[in-house]
Structures are given as structure tokens and as C-alpha cells.
C-alpha atoms as a PDB file:
ATOM      1  CA  ASP A   1     136.523 122.396 113.131  1.00  0.00           C
ATOM      2  CA  ASP A   2     134.714 121.591 115.838  1.00  0.00           C
ATOM      3  CA  THR A   3     130.967 122.717 114.520  1.00  0.00           C
ATOM      4  CA  LEU A   4     128.556 120.458 115.094  1.00  0.00           C
ATOM      5  CA  PRO A   5     126.475 118.732 111.375  1.00  0.00           C
ATOM      6  CA  ASP A   6     123.447 120.151 110.630  1.00  0.00           C
ATOM      7  CA  LEU A   7     120.485 117.981 110.886  1.00  0.00           C
ATOM      8  CA  ALA A   8     117.373 118.370 108.537  1.00  0.00           C
ATOM      9  CA  ILE A   9     113.984 116.057 107.550  1.00  0.00           C
ATOM     10  CA  ALA A  10     112.877 116.696 104.535  1.00  0.00           C
ATOM     11  CA  ASP A  11     109.275 116.669 102.485  1.00  0.00           C
ATOM     12  CA  ALA A  12     107.862 113.636 100.822  1.00  0.00           C
ATOM     13  CA  ASN A  13     105.563 113.173  98.985  1.00  0.00           C
ATOM     14  CA  VAL A  14     103.745 109.570  97.307  1.00  0.00           C
ATOM     15  CA  ASP A  15     100.751 108.310  96.275  1.00  0.00           C
ATOM     16  CA  GLU A  16      97.973 107.332  98.739  1.00  0.00           C
ATOM     17  CA  ASP A  17      97.972 103.317  97.791  1.00  0.00           C
ATOM     18  CA  THR A  18     101.636 103.398  98.086  1.00  0.00           C
ATOM     19  CA  GLY A  19     101.436 101.787 102.203  1.00  0.00           C
ATOM     20  CA  THR A  20     103.810 104.224 103.403  1.00  0.00           C
ATOM     21  CA  ILE A  21     105.664 107.545 103.627  1.00  0.00           C
ATOM     22  CA  SER A  22     109.209 107.511 104.494  1.00  0.00           C
ATOM     23  CA  PHE A  23     111.362 110.602 104.892  1.00  0.00           C
ATOM     24  CA  THR A  24     114.745 111.896 105.228  1.00  0.00           C
ATOM     25  CA  VAL A  25     116.587 112.673 107.585  1.00  0.00           C
ATOM     26  CA  SER A  26     120.204 114.310 107.462  1.00  0.00           C
ATOM     27  CA  LEU A  27     123.028 115.158 107.884  1.00  0.00           C
ATOM     28  CA  ASN A  28     124.972 117.849 106.298  1.00  0.00           C
ATOM     29  CA  GLU A  29     128.603 116.366 107.095  1.00  0.00           C
ATOM     30  CA  MET A  30     129.293 113.173 109.187  1.00  0.00           C
ATOM     31  CA  ALA A  31     129.360 113.074 112.603  1.00  0.00           C
ATOM     32  CA  GLY A  32     131.845 111.091 115.370  1.00  0.00           C
ATOM     33  CA  ALA A  33     129.261 109.597 116.779  1.00  0.00           C
ATOM     34  CA  ASP A  34     126.130 108.237 116.234  1.00  0.00           C
ATOM     35  CA  VAL A  35     122.794 111.329 116.039  1.00  0.00           C
ATOM     36  CA  THR A  36     120.039 110.379 117.474  1.00  0.00           C
ATOM     37  CA  PHE A  37     116.508 112.271 117.311  1.00  0.00           C
ATOM     38  CA  LEU A  38     112.380 111.817 118.584  1.00  0.00           C
ATOM     39  CA  ALA A  39     110.261 112.012 115.308  1.00  0.00           C
ATOM     40  CA  SER A  40     106.351 112.965 115.910  1.00  0.00           C
ATOM     41  CA  THR A  41     103.618 112.918 113.386  1.00  0.00           C
ATOM     42  CA  SER A  42     100.425 116.081 113.538  1.00  0.00           C
ATOM     43  CA  ASP A  43      97.828 116.312 111.021  1.00  0.00           C
ATOM     44  CA  GLY A  44      97.407 118.067 108.862  1.00  0.00           C
ATOM     45  CA  THR A  45      94.562 117.808 105.972  1.00  0.00           C
ATOM     46  CA  ALA A  46      95.518 114.658 106.462  1.00  0.00           C
ATOM     47  CA  THR A  47      94.335 112.603 109.727  1.00  0.00           C
ATOM     48  CA  THR A  48      94.582 109.675 112.289  1.00  0.00           C
ATOM     49  CA  THR A  49      91.016 110.020 112.911  1.00  0.00           C
ATOM     50  CA  ASP A  50      89.522 109.285 108.760  1.00  0.00           C
ATOM     51  CA  SER A  51      92.946 106.627 109.162  1.00  0.00           C
ATOM     52  CA  ASP A  52      94.419 108.588 106.702  1.00  0.00           C
ATOM     53  CA  TYR A  53      97.955 107.831 107.996  1.00  0.00           C
ATOM     54  CA  THR A  54      98.875 106.279 111.646  1.00  0.00           C
ATOM     55  CA  ALA A  55     100.495 108.564 114.196  1.00  0.00           C
ATOM     56  CA  ILE A  56     104.315 108.208 115.223  1.00  0.00           C
ATOM     57  CA  VAL A  57     104.837 109.783 118.805  1.00  0.00           C
ATOM     58  CA  ASN A  58     108.940 110.049 119.555  1.00  0.00           C
ATOM     59  CA  GLN A  59     109.608 107.434 117.855  1.00  0.00           C
ATOM     60  CA  ALA A  60     113.801 106.859 118.110  1.00  0.00           C
ATOM     61  CA  GLY A  61     115.783 107.238 114.608  1.00  0.00           C
ATOM     62  CA  THR A  62     119.359 107.067 114.871  1.00  0.00           C
ATOM     63  CA  ILE A  63     122.068 108.565 111.994  1.00  0.00           C
ATOM     64  CA  THR A  64     125.179 106.404 112.860  1.00  0.00           C
ATOM     65  CA  ALA A  65     128.313 107.502 113.180  1.00  0.00           C
ATOM     66  CA  GLY A  66     130.080 107.434 109.710  1.00  0.00           C
ATOM     67  CA  ALA A  67     126.698 107.746 108.037  1.00  0.00           C
ATOM     68  CA  LEU A  68     124.569 110.540 106.212  1.00  0.00           C
ATOM     69  CA  THR A  69     120.765 109.806 106.302  1.00  0.00           C
ATOM     70  CA  THR A  70     118.234 107.606 107.928  1.00  0.00           C
ATOM     71  CA  THR A  71     114.325 107.139 107.082  1.00  0.00           C
ATOM     72  CA  VAL A  72     111.591 107.976 109.041  1.00  0.00           C
ATOM     73  CA  THR A  73     108.852 106.031 108.070  1.00  0.00           C
ATOM     74  CA  VAL A  74     105.181 106.447 107.921  1.00  0.00           C
ATOM     75  CA  PRO A  75     102.148 103.702 107.700  1.00  0.00           C
ATOM     76  CA  LEU A  76      99.093 105.176 105.999  1.00  0.00           C
ATOM     77  CA  GLY A  77      95.428 104.546 105.298  1.00  0.00           C
ATOM     78  CA  VAL A  78      93.979 103.258 102.528  1.00  0.00           C
ATOM     79  CA  ASP A  79      90.468 104.370 101.831  1.00  0.00           C
ATOM     80  CA  ILE A  80      88.564 104.165  98.304  1.00  0.00           C
ATOM     81  CA  ASP A  81      87.246 108.359  99.851  1.00  0.00           C
ATOM     82  CA  ILE A  82      87.368 110.592  97.066  1.00  0.00           C
ATOM     83  CA  GLU A  83      89.253 113.390  97.698  1.00  0.00           C
ATOM     84  CA  PRO A  84      92.167 116.350  97.341  1.00  0.00           C
ATOM     85  CA  ASP A  85      95.619 115.618  98.077  1.00  0.00           C
ATOM     86  CA  GLU A  86      96.256 115.351 101.884  1.00  0.00           C
ATOM     87  CA  ASP A  87      99.194 116.434 104.701  1.00  0.00           C
ATOM     88  CA  PHE A  88     100.298 116.060 107.849  1.00  0.00           C
ATOM     89  CA  THR A  89     103.737 116.820 109.699  1.00  0.00           C
ATOM     90  CA  VAL A  90     106.399 115.148 111.489  1.00  0.00           C
ATOM     91  CA  THR A  91     108.691 117.212 113.976  1.00  0.00           C
ATOM     92  CA  LEU A  92     111.871 115.932 115.118  1.00  0.00           C
ATOM     93  CA  SER A  93     112.615 116.907 119.110  1.00  0.00           C
ATOM     94  CA  GLY A  94     115.282 114.979 121.233  1.00  0.00           C
ATOM     95  CA  VAL A  95     117.691 116.079 118.900  1.00  0.00           C
ATOM     96  CA  SER A  96     121.141 114.137 120.606  1.00  0.00           C
ATOM     97  CA  ALA A  97     123.935 116.797 121.564  1.00  0.00           C
ATOM     98  CA  ASN A  98     126.908 115.820 118.509  1.00  0.00           C
ATOM     99  CA  ALA A  99     124.170 117.756 115.549  1.00  0.00           C
ATOM    100  CA  ASN A 100     122.412 121.339 115.403  1.00  0.00           C
ATOM    101  CA  LEU A 101     118.476 120.926 114.138  1.00  0.00           C
ATOM    102  CA  LEU A 102     118.341 123.081 111.162  1.00  0.00           C
ATOM    103  CA  ASP A 103     115.301 121.576 109.530  1.00  0.00           C
ATOM    104  CA  GLY A 104     112.890 119.832 111.998  1.00  0.00           C
ATOM    105  CA  ILE A 105     109.215 119.793 110.237  1.00  0.00           C
ATOM    106  CA  ALA A 106     108.764 118.624 107.469  1.00  0.00           C
ATOM    107  CA  THR A 107     105.417 118.396 105.600  1.00  0.00           C
ATOM    108  CA  GLY A 108     104.185 114.776 104.073  1.00  0.00           C
ATOM    109  CA  THR A 109     101.318 114.982 101.160  1.00  0.00           C
ATOM    110  CA  ILE A 110      99.371 112.230 100.552  1.00  0.00           C
ATOM    111  CA  ASN A 111      98.727 111.897  96.918  1.00  0.00           C
ATOM    112  CA  ASN A 112      94.423 110.992  95.864  1.00  0.00           C
ATOM    113  CA  ASP A 113      94.258 108.216  93.708  1.00  0.00           C
ATOM    114  CA  ASP A 114      90.572 108.243  94.752  1.00  0.00           C
ATOM    115  CA  PHE A 115      88.589 109.418  91.730  1.00  0.00           C
ATOM    116  CA  LEU A 116      85.264 109.369  90.536  1.00  0.00           C
ATOM    117  CA  PRO A 117      83.955 106.199  88.823  1.00  0.00           C
ATOM    118  CA  GLU A 118      82.615 106.750  85.570  1.00  0.00           C
ATOM    119  CA  LEU A 119      79.219 105.280  84.480  1.00  0.00           C
ATOM    120  CA  SER A 120      78.513 104.292  80.990  1.00  0.00           C
ATOM    121  CA  ILE A 121      75.140 102.820  78.834  1.00  0.00           C
ATOM    122  CA  ALA A 122      75.429 100.130  76.437  1.00  0.00           C
ATOM    123  CA  ASP A 123      74.043  99.870  73.057  1.00  0.00           C
ATOM    124  CA  ALA A 124      70.813  97.437  73.637  1.00  0.00           C
ATOM    125  CA  GLY A 125      68.851  96.310  70.945  1.00  0.00           C
ATOM    126  CA  VAL A 126      66.065  94.166  70.656  1.00  0.00           C
ATOM    127  CA  ASN A 127      62.932  93.081  67.437  1.00  0.00           C
ATOM    128  CA  GLU A 128      60.538  95.560  67.647  1.00  0.00           C
ATOM    129  CA  ASP A 129      57.600  92.726  68.859  1.00  0.00           C
ATOM    130  CA  SER A 130      59.347  92.700  72.115  1.00  0.00           C
ATOM    131  CA  GLY A 131      57.687  94.849  73.821  1.00  0.00           C
ATOM    132  CA  SER A 132      61.057  96.539  75.991  1.00  0.00           C
ATOM    133  CA  LEU A 133      64.351  97.117  75.768  1.00  0.00           C
ATOM    134  CA  SER A 134      66.819  97.869  78.576  1.00  0.00           C
ATOM    135  CA  PHE A 135      69.860  99.124  78.861  1.00  0.00           C
ATOM    136  CA  THR A 136      72.724  97.908  80.705  1.00  0.00           C
ATOM    137  CA  VAL A 137      74.573 101.009  82.585  1.00  0.00           C
ATOM    138  CA  SER A 138      77.298 100.459  85.016  1.00  0.00           C
ATOM    139  CA  LEU A 139      80.204 101.747  86.973  1.00  0.00           C
ATOM    140  CA  ASP A 140      83.962 101.402  85.959  1.00  0.00           C
ATOM    141  CA  LYS A 141      84.928 100.719  89.190  1.00  0.00           C
ATOM    142  CA  MET A 142      83.362 101.203  92.114  1.00  0.00           C
ATOM    143  CA  ALA A 143      81.478 104.471  94.106  1.00  0.00           C
ATOM    144  CA  ALA A 144      82.109 104.685  97.948  1.00  0.00           C
ATOM    145  CA  ALA A 145      78.091 106.235  98.303  1.00  0.00           C
ATOM    146  CA  ASP A 146      74.820 105.178  95.736  1.00  0.00           C
ATOM    147  CA  VAL A 147      75.783 107.156  92.094  1.00  0.00           C
ATOM    148  CA  THR A 148      72.202 108.317  90.839  1.00  0.00           C
ATOM    149  CA  PHE A 149      71.390 109.484  87.782  1.00  0.00           C
ATOM    150  CA  ALA A 150      68.799 111.071  84.934  1.00  0.00           C
ATOM    151  CA  ALA A 151      67.673 108.970  81.996  1.00  0.00           C
ATOM    152  CA  SER A 152      66.417 110.893  78.589  1.00  0.00           C
ATOM    153  CA  THR A 153      65.383 109.220  75.363  1.00  0.00           C
ATOM    154  CA  ASN A 154      66.506 111.219  71.892  1.00  0.00           C
ATOM    155  CA  ASP A 155      64.952 110.425  68.468  1.00  0.00           C
ATOM    156  CA  GLY A 156      67.095 107.963  65.761  1.00  0.00           C
ATOM    157  CA  THR A 157      65.733 105.982  63.591  1.00  0.00           C
ATOM    158  CA  ALA A 158      62.959 104.905  65.876  1.00  0.00           C
ATOM    159  CA  THR A 159      61.098 107.835  66.550  1.00  0.00           C
ATOM    160  CA  THR A 160      58.182 108.746  69.223  1.00  0.00           C
ATOM    161  CA  VAL A 161      56.357 110.069  65.895  1.00  0.00           C
ATOM    162  CA  ASP A 162      55.661 107.344  64.524  1.00  0.00           C
ATOM    163  CA  GLY A 163      55.355 105.387  68.103  1.00  0.00           C
ATOM    164  CA  ASP A 164      58.410 102.871  67.500  1.00  0.00           C
ATOM    165  CA  TYR A 165      59.258 104.273  71.387  1.00  0.00           C
ATOM    166  CA  THR A 166      57.876 105.742  74.240  1.00  0.00           C
ATOM    167  CA  ALA A 167      60.498 109.131  75.381  1.00  0.00           C
ATOM    168  CA  LEU A 168      61.529 109.123  79.036  1.00  0.00           C
END
């Protein structure tokens, strides 16, 4: 049988804080000699401008004779932006003459790992004659931008009618 092996690259999916994303490049059968190719990235919703990933351009790859796979690894950026999952593509080209390019485009999905911080307010108490009461408001993690909120009061056992406090 003189048919050439088929070369393909598979989609990949990782969390943003992983640091890299690896794409598996494979042959459907072993080749008698090294199979070489070039790999390049292109922006999708993930962009190099936003530092979502580091571009690769004509990066040489090889599946050595007798092997079936290799990987193409792309460095990822890490940010604290609240954003949806993002993607980019890796395209193979320049495949050596001893293999057919069956599927030369893969999508890399970067799963967002940044979520909005949660705001909380702590209980507080003071003696009645202290004059004021301060509540601590905090975030469970750093925010990428200023966080604003509105505060209001509701009667409990202390009431505005009895003059226990002044409503916000």
C-alpha cells in the first residue's frame, strides 16, 4: 500500500491560568520518515493585542518516523479581565511530501477563570451611646475596576421611629 498517512491537528481547550495550550498533531498511521510541518496562530475572540496568547508564526514541527503524534504548544497570557471564554486558531502549512494534510486548522479555546468579585458586608454592633456604627464592606478578591454600591438600612429591633438610628 503506497498511500500516504493523513496529518491532522485537534482542537484544544484549557483554563486561562494554565499558562500554555497544547494542540495534538497526529498521523493516522506511521510514516517511514519524519513528517514536518509549520504551525501559525491567528486571532479569533482571543487576541495577541489583549495578551490572551502569544502568537506563533511558521513554528516548525515534526512527527518523527515511527511516531504518531507531536504537540504544538502556545503560551497563554493571564489577566483578571471578566470576559467570556475566548478562542483562536492554529493552522498547519508546509507539510512534507510524505503526508497528506487532512485537517490543518484547530480551534484553541481559553476558558475564562476570572469571575466578578463578590461583595459582602459584615455584622457590626456598638453601645447605644457611641454615636455611630461602622460596617466593613469587602470583596472576596481583587476587582479589575472600581466597585461601587448603594447602601440602605432596614429596621430590626432598632427602629428609626424610636430614634435608634438615622436611615441611610
